[in-house]
Amino acid sequence: MSELIHLPGGEPLETATPLDSTAAPQGPIPVVLLALDQGRFDAARSLEELAALAEANGMQAVASVVQKRAVPEAATMLGEGKVAEARMVCLNAGAEVAIFDGELTGSQLRNLSAALQVEVIDRTMLILEIFRSRATTNEGKLQTELALLRYQMPRLQGLGEVLSRQGGGGGGGAGARRGAGETKLELDRRHIRRRIETLEGRLKEMEKRRGETRRARQKSGVPVVAMVGYTNVGKSSLTNTLCGAEIFEADMLFATLDPTARRLTLPSGLTVVLVDTVGFVSRLPHHLVEAFKSTLEEAAYADVLIRVADASDPAAADQLAVTDQVLDELGCGDIPRLTVYNKCDKTGAVPFDPDILLTSARTGRGLDALKAKLDEVLAGRVRRIEVLLPYDQLALADILRSRGSVQEEEYRAEGVYYAGTVRIDDLHRFAPYLLPHTAGDAPAE
């Protein structure tokens, strides 16, 4: 299938693109999954994940064809006999698309599509299509387009007849001396390079603005807690339950692509910013990580990372390993981490481990323990105080409310009594008005 992509400042670019699931008039699109098992990872688990990715894109896996082979076939990845088998499977299953569990070159995509007589996409194309359909912010859309163009660039040469040479000079005279002209391939590459440069420039501007927002948070002293983890483990559900927010959530992969920040007040009264980030997935292509690095960097600047896994998934430990791998790539090695196994209300949840917090966004189990643990990790940020503020110093009460918390308030003849929590950075403001039994907590002058 081909699609015309209109690029600014040039002719439309015709290139192979993933199947748009929104065009299907009814029901999920039947697909066949293809895989080459070279023994480098758990092929069965990877196929299960590929089927879930397909479902998230409005498709349904109706069959799979797997070949165990040490060395891939250069032209089609799968051997000739296995390709013939896949062709019969696609025909008998009525599949409209075949999805290969890995990355293919442009020529391999073309060769497999010709042999199977159905549209062929690979794992990366599928993820990109999901990203394209889910991105809601301008930055998310630009990041997805950038990743798509970077993916397409090295595959243009394998797209076949659409890249045939264009005419150059005329039939005779001076025109004939101009040569055959630029190839469609060269034009496409130039258009893509120009668009990539434009996107990179716009994303750098957005990253600069995000940096200003991040610096403002740091200046205000509000701790940032980032929710990180595998896709579809319930990070958005946890954020919604903890903060009362309304982030889109669904039981599907990559339901959330754009980072969302919400305020959360802990039992101590400390207010934190809770950031819900895009989910990870195994074997996430490097250029996708690069494209979304500015979004994922929200985790790199967090004060605490909450690593979330699915308690009901036997591969929960593998999910955390993937999460740690991506976090290490982002340079998050020194940030304190809490491990949370969510969805513990489901059948098959992992046995209790004292080092792991078990939570359920649906029932609320374990959420108080999670907030208490955050308080423990961030304990050095706040101090509980009791103060008696004179009536001419009540401006400090606004600082106490906005940057700390108030548990008790009582009007007295000599001023207003407050019991609450303040950040260590603000404690010196209240030192002259601390009541005697809390004055020892005041910083030395």
Protein backbone atom coordinates (compact mmCIF):
# COMPACT_ATOMS: atom_id res chain seq x y z
CA MET A 1 0.00 0.00 0.00
CA SER A 2 1.29 3.48 -0.85
CA GLU A 3 0.39 6.83 0.61
CA LEU A 4 1.13 10.35 -0.58
CA ILE A 5 2.90 12.37 2.09
CA HIS A 6 2.88 16.09 1.35
CA LEU A 7 6.13 17.67 2.40
CA PRO A 8 6.50 21.45 2.70
CA GLY A 9 8.27 23.05 -0.22
CA GLY A 10 8.13 20.09 -2.59
CA GLU A 11 6.10 17.55 -4.48
CA PRO A 12 4.15 14.85 -2.67
CA LEU A 13 6.32 11.93 -1.62
CA GLU A 14 4.93 8.52 -2.45
CA THR A 15 6.21 5.87 -0.09
CA ALA A 16 5.14 2.66 1.55
CA THR A 17 3.39 3.27 4.86
CA PRO A 18 1.76 1.07 7.49
CA LEU A 19 -1.84 0.13 6.94
CA ASP A 20 -4.19 2.70 8.44
CA SER A 21 -6.48 0.68 10.66
CA THR A 22 -9.00 3.53 10.81
CA ALA A 23 -9.85 2.89 7.16
CA ALA A 24 -11.34 -0.51 7.96
CA PRO A 25 -15.13 -0.25 7.76
CA GLN A 26 -15.86 -3.06 10.16
CA GLY A 27 -14.12 -5.32 12.65
CA PRO A 28 -10.40 -5.84 13.25
CA ILE A 29 -8.13 -6.49 10.28
CA PRO A 30 -7.01 -10.15 10.13
CA VAL A 31 -3.22 -10.47 10.14
CA VAL A 32 -0.63 -13.24 10.11
CA LEU A 33 2.45 -12.93 12.30
CA LEU A 34 5.85 -13.89 10.90
CA ALA A 35 8.98 -14.51 12.96
CA LEU A 36 12.54 -15.74 12.56
CA ASP A 37 13.77 -17.47 15.72
CA GLN A 38 17.55 -17.21 15.89
CA GLY A 39 17.65 -18.07 19.60
CA ARG A 40 18.52 -14.53 20.67
CA PHE A 41 15.33 -13.95 22.72
CA ASP A 42 12.10 -15.68 23.73
CA ALA A 43 10.34 -15.88 20.35
CA ALA A 44 7.03 -17.09 21.81
CA ARG A 45 6.88 -14.19 24.27
CA SER A 46 7.82 -11.73 21.53
CA LEU A 47 5.01 -13.05 19.30
CA GLU A 48 2.51 -12.60 22.14
CA GLU A 49 3.62 -9.01 22.45
CA LEU A 50 3.41 -8.53 18.68
CA ALA A 51 -0.17 -9.84 18.75
CA ALA A 52 -0.99 -7.32 21.50
CA LEU A 53 0.58 -4.53 19.44
CA ALA A 54 -1.52 -5.59 16.46
CA GLU A 55 -4.65 -5.55 18.62
CA ALA A 56 -3.78 -2.03 19.79
CA ASN A 57 -3.75 -1.03 16.12
CA GLY A 58 -7.19 -2.44 15.29
CA MET A 59 -5.89 -5.78 14.00
CA GLN A 60 -6.37 -9.39 15.02
CA ALA A 61 -3.70 -12.06 14.73
CA VAL A 62 -5.34 -15.11 13.13
CA ALA A 63 -2.21 -17.24 12.59
CA SER A 64 1.56 -17.22 12.95
CA VAL A 65 4.47 -18.66 11.00
CA VAL A 66 7.81 -19.11 12.79
CA GLN A 67 11.06 -20.43 11.38
CA LYS A 68 14.03 -21.50 13.48
CA ARG A 69 17.08 -20.57 11.50
CA ALA A 70 20.55 -19.36 12.52
CA VAL A 71 21.16 -17.23 9.42
CA PRO A 72 18.35 -15.21 7.80
CA GLU A 73 17.64 -15.35 4.07
CA ALA A 74 18.96 -12.10 2.63
CA ALA A 75 16.01 -11.41 0.33
CA THR A 76 13.09 -12.40 2.56
CA MET A 77 14.47 -13.21 6.04
CA LEU A 78 12.53 -16.51 5.95
CA GLY A 79 13.60 -19.42 3.76
CA GLU A 80 11.91 -20.14 0.44
CA GLY A 81 9.88 -23.06 1.81
CA LYS A 82 8.70 -21.11 4.85
CA VAL A 83 7.70 -18.17 2.63
CA ALA A 84 5.58 -20.55 0.53
CA GLU A 85 4.01 -21.90 3.74
CA ALA A 86 3.29 -18.35 4.91
CA ARG A 87 1.61 -17.61 1.57
CA MET A 88 -0.78 -20.56 2.05
CA VAL A 89 -1.47 -19.55 5.66
CA CYS A 90 -2.33 -15.99 4.57
CA LEU A 91 -4.60 -17.33 1.84
CA ASN A 92 -6.41 -19.84 4.06
CA ALA A 93 -6.79 -17.42 6.97
CA GLY A 94 -8.02 -14.57 4.79
CA ALA A 95 -5.29 -12.32 6.12
CA GLU A 96 -4.98 -8.82 4.69
CA VAL A 97 -1.63 -8.03 6.30
CA ALA A 98 1.47 -9.95 7.40
CA ILE A 99 3.53 -8.52 10.27
CA PHE A 100 7.16 -9.52 10.67
CA ASP A 101 8.50 -9.62 14.24
CA GLY A 102 11.60 -7.53 13.62
CA GLU A 103 12.90 -4.87 11.25
CA LEU A 104 13.00 -5.39 7.49
CA THR A 105 14.82 -3.49 4.78
CA GLY A 106 12.93 -1.85 1.92
CA SER A 107 13.78 -4.66 -0.49
CA GLN A 108 12.78 -7.33 2.03
CA LEU A 109 9.43 -5.61 2.53
CA ARG A 110 8.91 -5.52 -1.23
CA ASN A 111 10.02 -9.14 -1.76
CA LEU A 112 7.86 -10.54 1.02
CA SER A 113 4.83 -8.56 -0.09
CA ALA A 114 5.24 -9.85 -3.65
CA ALA A 115 5.66 -13.44 -2.46
CA LEU A 116 2.77 -13.40 0.03
CA GLN A 117 0.46 -11.23 -2.09
CA VAL A 118 -0.58 -9.23 0.98
CA GLU A 119 0.60 -6.00 2.59
CA VAL A 120 3.73 -6.64 4.71
CA ILE A 121 4.84 -4.43 7.58
CA ASP A 122 7.42 -5.01 10.30
CA ARG A 123 7.39 -4.56 14.06
CA THR A 124 8.78 -1.02 13.91
CA MET A 125 6.24 0.08 11.29
CA LEU A 126 3.47 -1.25 13.52
CA ILE A 127 4.74 0.63 16.57
CA LEU A 128 5.11 3.80 14.51
CA GLU A 129 1.53 3.48 13.27
CA ILE A 130 0.30 3.12 16.85
CA PHE A 131 2.34 6.16 17.87
CA ARG A 132 0.97 8.12 14.91
CA SER A 133 -2.64 7.38 15.81
CA ARG A 134 -2.22 7.96 19.57
CA ALA A 135 -0.12 11.13 19.72
CA THR A 136 -2.28 14.04 20.85
CA THR A 137 0.13 16.91 21.56
CA ASN A 138 2.03 18.80 18.88
CA GLU A 139 5.31 17.48 20.24
CA GLY A 140 4.10 13.89 20.19
CA LYS A 141 2.98 14.26 16.59
CA LEU A 142 6.27 15.83 15.54
CA GLN A 143 8.28 13.15 17.33
CA THR A 144 6.28 10.42 15.61
CA GLU A 145 6.70 12.01 12.18
CA LEU A 146 10.44 12.37 12.78
CA ALA A 147 10.75 8.71 13.78
CA LEU A 148 8.75 7.67 10.70
CA LEU A 149 10.93 9.68 8.32
CA ARG A 150 14.13 8.37 9.90
CA TYR A 151 12.77 4.87 9.48
CA GLN A 152 11.81 5.44 5.83
CA MET A 153 15.05 7.08 4.71
CA PRO A 154 17.23 3.94 4.41
CA ARG A 155 14.32 1.96 2.92
CA LEU A 156 13.50 4.21 -0.01
CA GLN A 157 15.75 2.32 -2.40
CA GLY A 158 13.82 -0.90 -1.91
CA LEU A 159 10.41 0.49 -2.73
CA GLY A 160 10.52 -0.60 -6.35
CA GLU A 161 8.97 0.99 -9.41
CA VAL A 162 7.79 4.14 -7.66
CA LEU A 163 11.43 5.23 -7.61
CA SER A 164 12.00 4.96 -11.36
CA ARG A 165 14.13 7.65 -13.04
CA GLN A 166 12.39 10.87 -14.04
CA GLY A 167 12.94 12.51 -17.40
CA GLY A 168 15.65 15.13 -17.66
CA GLY A 169 16.37 16.88 -20.95
CA GLY A 170 14.16 17.20 -24.00
CA GLY A 171 14.27 15.18 -27.18
CA GLY A 172 17.07 17.18 -28.77
CA GLY A 173 19.07 20.39 -28.79
CA ALA A 174 20.20 21.90 -25.51
CA GLY A 175 17.67 19.90 -23.53
CA ALA A 176 19.31 16.60 -24.47
CA ARG A 177 22.56 17.68 -22.89
CA ARG A 178 20.98 18.01 -19.45
CA GLY A 179 21.16 14.26 -18.84
CA ALA A 180 18.48 11.95 -17.52
CA GLY A 181 17.64 14.16 -14.55
CA GLU A 182 17.38 13.33 -10.85
CA THR A 183 15.94 10.00 -9.83
CA LYS A 184 12.72 9.89 -7.84
CA LEU A 185 14.87 8.35 -5.09
CA GLU A 186 17.13 11.40 -4.97
CA LEU A 187 14.15 13.76 -4.87
CA ASP A 188 12.51 11.78 -2.09
CA ARG A 189 15.69 11.73 -0.05
CA ARG A 190 16.09 15.49 -0.40
CA HIS A 191 12.48 16.10 0.67
CA ILE A 192 12.89 13.82 3.66
CA ARG A 193 16.18 15.40 4.75
CA ARG A 194 14.62 18.86 4.53
CA ARG A 195 11.62 17.78 6.58
CA ILE A 196 13.81 16.04 9.17
CA GLU A 197 15.84 19.23 9.63
CA THR A 198 12.63 21.23 10.09
CA LEU A 199 11.25 18.77 12.64
CA GLU A 200 14.51 18.63 14.57
CA GLY A 201 14.54 22.42 14.80
CA ARG A 202 10.96 22.62 16.06
CA LEU A 203 11.54 19.85 18.60
CA LYS A 204 14.65 21.61 19.92
CA GLU A 205 12.53 24.70 20.54
CA MET A 206 9.95 22.62 22.40
CA GLU A 207 12.70 20.92 24.38
CA LYS A 208 14.05 24.35 25.33
CA ARG A 209 10.62 25.37 26.64
CA ARG A 210 10.33 22.14 28.59
CA GLY A 211 13.72 22.86 30.11
CA GLU A 212 12.42 26.24 31.29
CA THR A 213 9.40 24.55 32.87
CA ARG A 214 11.70 22.00 34.51
CA ARG A 215 13.93 24.75 35.91
CA ALA A 216 10.88 26.54 37.27
CA ARG A 217 9.89 23.34 39.08
CA GLN A 218 13.37 22.96 40.50
CA LYS A 219 13.37 26.60 41.63
CA SER A 220 10.04 26.13 43.39
CA GLY A 221 11.47 23.10 45.16
CA VAL A 222 8.53 20.82 44.28
CA PRO A 223 9.86 17.24 44.00
CA VAL A 224 9.13 15.38 40.76
CA VAL A 225 8.12 11.71 40.83
CA ALA A 226 8.12 9.93 37.46
CA MET A 227 5.98 6.87 36.79
CA VAL A 228 7.99 4.66 34.42
CA GLY A 229 7.61 1.14 33.13
CA TYR A 230 6.48 -1.20 30.43
CA THR A 231 3.52 -0.25 28.30
CA ASN A 232 0.08 -1.29 29.59
CA VAL A 233 1.10 -2.02 33.19
CA GLY A 234 -1.32 0.57 34.58
CA LYS A 235 0.81 3.72 35.02
CA SER A 236 -2.00 6.02 33.83
CA SER A 237 -4.55 4.19 36.00
CA LEU A 238 -2.31 4.61 39.05
CA THR A 239 -1.83 8.30 38.29
CA ASN A 240 -5.57 8.82 37.88
CA THR A 241 -6.36 7.02 41.14
CA LEU A 242 -3.64 8.80 43.13
CA CYS A 243 -4.27 12.30 41.78
CA GLY A 244 -7.89 12.22 40.71
CA ALA A 245 -6.69 13.15 37.23
CA GLU A 246 -8.29 12.25 33.94
CA ILE A 247 -5.53 10.78 31.81
CA PHE A 248 -6.67 8.52 28.98
CA GLU A 249 -6.32 4.90 30.03
CA ALA A 250 -7.15 1.66 28.25
CA ASP A 251 -6.21 -2.01 28.41
CA MET A 252 -3.94 -1.79 25.37
CA LEU A 253 -0.33 -1.12 24.52
CA PHE A 254 0.80 2.51 24.20
CA ALA A 255 -2.46 4.03 25.47
CA THR A 256 -0.39 6.98 26.71
CA LEU A 257 2.28 8.63 24.55
CA ASP A 258 2.53 12.17 25.84
CA PRO A 259 3.86 12.87 29.36
CA THR A 260 1.25 14.18 31.77
CA ALA A 261 2.07 15.96 35.05
CA ARG A 262 -0.30 16.11 38.03
CA ARG A 263 0.04 17.35 41.61
CA LEU A 264 -0.09 14.83 44.44
CA THR A 265 -0.15 15.61 48.18
CA LEU A 266 1.55 13.00 50.36
CA PRO A 267 0.44 12.10 53.92
CA SER A 268 3.17 14.39 55.35
CA GLY A 269 1.62 17.29 53.47
CA LEU A 270 4.45 17.45 50.95
CA THR A 271 3.23 18.25 47.45
CA VAL A 272 4.95 16.49 44.55
CA VAL A 273 4.53 16.52 40.78
CA LEU A 274 3.65 13.05 39.49
CA VAL A 275 4.60 12.54 35.84
CA ASP A 276 3.08 9.74 33.77
CA THR A 277 5.47 8.82 30.93
CA VAL A 278 5.26 6.85 27.69
CA GLY A 279 5.55 3.10 28.21
CA PHE A 280 8.47 0.97 27.10
CA VAL A 281 8.42 -2.22 25.07
CA SER A 282 11.00 -4.92 24.46
CA ARG A 283 13.34 -4.42 21.52
CA LEU A 284 12.19 -0.83 21.10
CA PRO A 285 14.19 0.38 18.08
CA HIS A 286 16.98 2.80 18.95
CA HIS A 287 15.73 5.53 16.61
CA LEU A 288 12.36 5.44 18.39
CA VAL A 289 14.09 5.92 21.73
CA GLU A 290 16.04 8.79 20.20
CA ALA A 291 12.91 10.40 18.71
CA PHE A 292 11.10 10.31 22.05
CA LYS A 293 14.18 11.04 24.15
CA SER A 294 13.08 14.59 24.96
CA THR A 295 9.79 13.20 26.30
CA LEU A 296 11.46 10.38 28.20
CA GLU A 297 13.93 12.83 29.73
CA GLU A 298 11.19 13.82 32.17
CA ALA A 299 12.32 10.68 34.00
CA ALA A 300 15.97 11.75 33.91
CA TYR A 301 15.18 14.92 35.89
CA ALA A 302 12.92 13.27 38.46
CA ASP A 303 13.69 13.08 42.17
CA VAL A 304 12.17 9.59 42.47
CA LEU A 305 11.33 6.95 39.86
CA ILE A 306 8.44 4.56 40.37
CA ARG A 307 9.13 1.43 38.30
CA VAL A 308 5.79 -0.18 37.53
CA ALA A 309 5.27 -3.78 36.40
CA ASP A 310 2.18 -5.95 35.91
CA ALA A 311 1.82 -8.25 38.92
CA SER A 312 -0.36 -10.66 36.95
CA ASP A 313 2.17 -11.06 34.13
CA PRO A 314 4.68 -13.93 34.50
CA ALA A 315 7.17 -11.76 32.62
CA ALA A 316 7.02 -8.91 35.19
CA ALA A 317 10.74 -9.26 35.94
CA ASP A 318 11.49 -8.99 32.21
CA GLN A 319 9.36 -5.85 32.04
CA LEU A 320 11.44 -4.27 34.78
CA ALA A 321 14.63 -5.30 32.99
CA VAL A 322 13.47 -3.50 29.84
CA THR A 323 12.55 -0.46 31.94
CA ASP A 324 15.97 -0.40 33.58
CA GLN A 325 17.68 -0.73 30.21
CA VAL A 326 15.92 2.35 28.83
CA LEU A 327 16.45 4.30 32.07
CA ASP A 328 20.17 3.52 31.96
CA GLU A 329 20.31 4.83 28.38
CA LEU A 330 18.79 8.07 29.67
CA GLY A 331 21.39 8.39 32.46
CA CYS A 332 19.00 7.79 35.37
CA GLY A 333 21.32 5.50 37.33
CA ASP A 334 21.62 7.71 40.45
CA ILE A 335 17.91 8.48 40.92
CA PRO A 336 16.16 6.64 43.81
CA ARG A 337 13.73 3.99 42.53
CA LEU A 338 10.66 2.33 43.99
CA THR A 339 9.37 -0.91 42.51
CA VAL A 340 5.62 -1.35 42.21
CA TYR A 341 3.75 -4.44 41.03
CA ASN A 342 0.38 -3.10 39.91
CA LYS A 343 -2.80 -5.07 39.08
CA CYS A 344 -2.28 -7.25 42.17
CA ASP A 345 -6.05 -7.82 42.28
CA LYS A 346 -5.83 -10.02 39.18
CA THR A 347 -5.58 -13.79 39.33
CA GLY A 348 -2.02 -15.02 39.08
CA ALA A 349 -0.38 -12.09 40.84
CA VAL A 350 3.19 -12.74 41.94
CA PRO A 351 3.86 -13.82 45.54
CA PHE A 352 4.50 -11.05 48.04
CA ASP A 353 8.04 -9.71 48.22
CA PRO A 354 8.81 -7.27 51.06
CA ASP A 355 10.98 -5.18 48.72
CA ILE A 356 8.13 -4.75 46.24
CA LEU A 357 5.01 -2.62 46.71
CA LEU A 358 1.85 -4.41 45.57
CA THR A 359 -0.84 -2.04 44.28
CA SER A 360 -4.15 -2.09 42.49
CA ALA A 361 -5.38 1.06 40.78
CA ARG A 362 -8.80 -0.58 40.47
CA THR A 363 -9.35 -1.45 44.15
CA GLY A 364 -6.99 1.08 45.75
CA ARG A 365 -4.95 -1.60 47.50
CA GLY A 366 -1.43 -0.55 48.40
CA LEU A 367 -1.79 3.11 47.37
CA ASP A 368 -1.48 4.39 50.95
CA ALA A 369 1.66 2.30 51.37
CA LEU A 370 3.05 3.76 48.12
CA LYS A 371 2.44 7.34 49.28
CA ALA A 372 3.97 6.56 52.68
CA LYS A 373 7.03 5.12 50.95
CA LEU A 374 7.37 8.27 48.85
CA ASP A 375 7.21 10.29 52.05
CA GLU A 376 9.98 8.14 53.48
CA VAL A 377 12.21 8.60 50.44
CA LEU A 378 11.59 12.35 50.39
CA ALA A 379 11.72 12.78 54.16
CA GLY A 380 14.68 15.13 53.97
CA ARG A 381 12.58 17.64 52.03
CA VAL A 382 10.03 18.60 54.75
CA ARG A 383 9.72 19.31 58.46
CA ARG A 384 6.65 19.38 60.70
CA ILE A 385 6.32 22.64 62.64
CA GLU A 386 4.02 24.52 65.00
CA VAL A 387 4.11 28.30 64.74
CA LEU A 388 2.29 31.31 66.15
CA LEU A 389 2.27 33.99 63.47
CA PRO A 390 1.58 37.60 64.52
CA TYR A 391 -1.27 39.19 62.60
CA ASP A 392 1.17 41.40 60.69
CA GLN A 393 3.08 38.31 59.47
CA LEU A 394 0.19 36.34 57.96
CA ALA A 395 1.80 36.52 54.54
CA LEU A 396 3.87 33.59 55.78
CA ALA A 397 0.66 31.59 56.04
CA ASP A 398 0.32 31.79 52.26
CA ILE A 399 3.80 30.28 51.91
CA LEU A 400 2.83 27.56 54.37
CA ARG A 401 -0.27 26.68 52.34
CA SER A 402 1.19 26.95 48.86
CA ARG A 403 4.61 25.41 49.46
CA GLY A 404 3.79 23.17 52.43
CA SER A 405 0.60 22.11 54.18
CA VAL A 406 -1.64 23.15 57.06
CA GLN A 407 -3.16 20.53 59.36
CA GLU A 408 -4.39 22.82 62.15
CA GLU A 409 -5.29 26.52 62.32
CA GLU A 410 -6.47 28.48 65.39
CA TYR A 411 -6.98 32.22 65.92
CA ARG A 412 -5.58 33.48 69.21
CA ALA A 413 -5.21 36.90 70.82
CA GLU A 414 -1.50 37.23 69.96
CA GLY A 415 -1.73 35.74 66.47
CA VAL A 416 -2.73 32.66 64.46
CA TYR A 417 -1.52 29.19 65.48
CA TYR A 418 -0.61 26.81 62.66
CA ALA A 419 0.49 23.18 62.71
CA GLY A 420 1.72 21.82 59.42
CA THR A 421 4.69 20.92 57.28
CA VAL A 422 7.17 23.13 55.46
CA ARG A 423 10.01 22.37 53.12
CA ILE A 424 13.47 22.54 54.62
CA ASP A 425 14.28 25.37 52.23
CA ASP A 426 11.51 27.50 53.81
CA LEU A 427 12.12 26.60 57.46
CA HIS A 428 14.25 29.69 58.15
CA ARG A 429 11.29 31.94 57.30
CA PHE A 430 9.34 30.57 60.27
CA ALA A 431 12.24 30.32 62.76
CA PRO A 432 11.29 33.47 64.79
CA TYR A 433 7.74 32.21 65.31
CA LEU A 434 8.31 28.54 66.13
CA LEU A 435 6.75 27.39 69.38
CA PRO A 436 9.33 26.34 72.03
CA HIS A 437 8.96 22.56 71.64
CA THR A 438 9.62 22.80 67.88
CA ALA A 439 12.22 25.57 67.96
CA GLY A 440 14.97 22.98 68.08
CA ASP A 441 14.10 22.07 64.50
CA ALA A 442 14.95 25.54 63.25
CA PRO A 443 18.15 25.89 61.27
CA ALA A 444 21.06 27.59 62.98
CA GLU A 445 21.44 31.25 62.10
